[in-house]
Protein backbone atom coordinates (compact mmCIF):
# COMPACT_ATOMS: atom_id res chain seq x y z
CA MET A 1 7.78 -20.83 -25.87
CA ILE A 2 9.76 -21.13 -22.41
CA CYS A 3 8.65 -23.56 -19.44
CA ASP A 4 8.44 -22.15 -16.25
CA THR A 5 9.79 -24.63 -13.95
CA LYS A 6 9.47 -23.35 -11.14
CA SER A 7 5.50 -23.12 -11.12
CA GLY A 8 5.69 -26.79 -13.30
CA THR A 9 7.59 -27.81 -9.81
CA ASP A 10 5.39 -26.68 -7.91
CA ARG A 11 2.19 -28.37 -9.33
CA VAL A 12 3.52 -31.61 -9.16
CA GLU A 13 4.34 -31.21 -5.38
CA ARG A 14 0.79 -30.03 -5.08
CA LEU A 15 -0.66 -32.81 -6.43
CA ILE A 16 2.26 -35.07 -4.79
CA GLU A 17 0.40 -34.04 -1.30
CA GLN A 18 -2.79 -34.30 -2.08
CA ILE A 19 -2.20 -37.92 -3.44
CA HIS A 20 -0.70 -38.44 0.18
CA HIS A 21 -3.81 -37.40 1.51
CA VAL A 22 -6.10 -39.41 -0.11
CA ILE A 23 -4.21 -42.10 0.82
CA GLU A 24 -4.19 -41.28 4.30
CA VAL A 25 -8.13 -41.08 4.44
CA PHE A 26 -8.04 -44.17 2.87
CA GLU A 27 -6.36 -45.91 5.45
CA LYS A 28 -7.72 -44.64 7.82
CA THR A 29 -11.82 -45.06 6.67
CA VAL A 30 -11.78 -47.92 4.14
CA ILE A 31 -8.66 -49.87 5.47
CA PRO A 32 -9.62 -50.02 9.06
CA ASN A 33 -13.23 -51.49 8.13
CA PHE A 34 -12.94 -53.23 5.19
CA ARG A 35 -13.98 -57.56 5.41
CA PRO A 36 -12.79 -59.87 2.35
CA LEU A 37 -15.57 -60.91 0.63
CA LEU A 38 -15.32 -65.54 0.85
CA ASP A 39 -17.72 -66.73 -2.17
CA GLY A 40 -19.88 -63.90 -2.25
CA GLU A 41 -20.56 -63.21 1.97
CA GLN A 42 -18.90 -62.07 5.02
CA TYR A 43 -18.38 -63.05 7.98
CA ILE A 44 -18.72 -61.56 11.72
CA SER A 45 -17.10 -62.78 14.76
CA ASP A 46 -18.46 -63.15 18.06
CA LYS A 47 -17.05 -60.79 19.36
CA LYS A 48 -18.34 -57.80 16.77
CA LEU A 49 -21.05 -58.99 16.67
CA SER A 50 -22.01 -58.42 19.89
CA GLU A 51 -20.52 -55.41 19.10
CA LEU A 52 -23.01 -54.50 16.63
CA LEU A 53 -25.94 -55.69 17.94
CA ASN A 54 -24.87 -54.05 21.52
CA ILE A 55 -25.93 -57.20 23.34
CA ASN A 56 -23.03 -59.37 25.79
CA ARG A 57 -21.56 -62.70 24.49
CA ARG A 58 -22.93 -64.61 26.57
CA SER A 59 -26.19 -63.76 25.02
CA LEU A 60 -25.16 -65.11 21.71
CA VAL A 61 -24.70 -68.31 23.46
CA GLN A 62 -27.78 -68.72 24.70
CA TYR A 63 -29.45 -67.77 21.11
CA ARG A 64 -27.11 -70.62 19.93
CA GLN A 65 -27.79 -72.64 22.56
CA LYS A 66 -31.37 -72.22 21.77
CA GLY A 67 -31.11 -72.42 18.35
CA LEU A 68 -31.95 -68.58 16.95
CA LEU A 69 -28.71 -68.32 15.26
CA PRO A 70 -26.79 -69.89 12.91
CA TYR A 71 -22.94 -70.50 13.19
CA TYR A 72 -20.04 -71.77 12.13
CA ARG A 73 -17.21 -73.38 14.75
CA ILE A 74 -14.09 -73.72 13.20
CA GLY A 75 -11.74 -74.66 16.06
CA GLY A 76 -12.45 -73.20 19.00
CA LYS A 77 -13.79 -69.85 17.07
CA ILE A 78 -17.92 -69.17 16.25
CA ILE A 79 -18.23 -67.06 13.08
CA TYR A 80 -21.50 -65.94 11.50
CA ARG A 81 -22.64 -65.62 8.09
CA GLU A 82 -23.77 -61.61 7.97
CA SER A 83 -26.99 -62.81 5.66
CA ASP A 84 -28.17 -65.13 8.01
CA ILE A 85 -27.90 -62.42 10.93
CA ARG A 86 -29.76 -59.84 8.73
CA HIS A 87 -32.28 -62.91 7.92
CA VAL A 88 -33.07 -63.76 11.80
CA LEU A 89 -33.54 -59.97 12.27
CA GLU A 90 -35.60 -59.33 9.48
CA SER A 91 -37.59 -62.22 10.57
CA ASN A 92 -38.23 -61.18 14.00
CA TYR A 93 -39.18 -57.51 13.05
CA TYR A 94 -41.90 -56.66 14.30
CA ASP A 95 -43.69 -53.37 13.64
CA VAL A 96 -45.30 -51.93 15.86
CA LEU A 97 -47.41 -48.74 14.23
CA SER A 98 -48.75 -51.52 11.70
CA LYS A 99 -49.93 -53.71 14.65
CA HIS A 100 -51.81 -50.68 16.40
CA ASN A 101 -53.16 -49.75 12.74
CA LYS A 102 -54.38 -53.05 12.57
CA ASN A 103 -55.62 -53.74 15.75
CA ASP A 104 -57.28 -49.84 15.76
CA ARG A 105 -59.47 -51.42 12.47
CA LYS A 106 -61.25 -54.12 14.01
């Protein structure tokens, strides 16, 4: 049996190109959004939380001062535990449709 080294080489080159493409996609999509876990929890900076909630950082200061948002202060840096923020948001959720439905029954 004669082995065609040209087609074997072409296959290897195509495979290498595909691997490079996967690495590029990974570097562009996964790595920028990667946040390492600390004891199973993720933490968010003040700046990132303001961007996620689409509110200004001054509002976050006011929420902290009023005791509405739990936070950590390490040196001059403020960070929030993601699960705490999720809990605050869920506990302050108002379902307008269900309120109307309850009022309509009375």
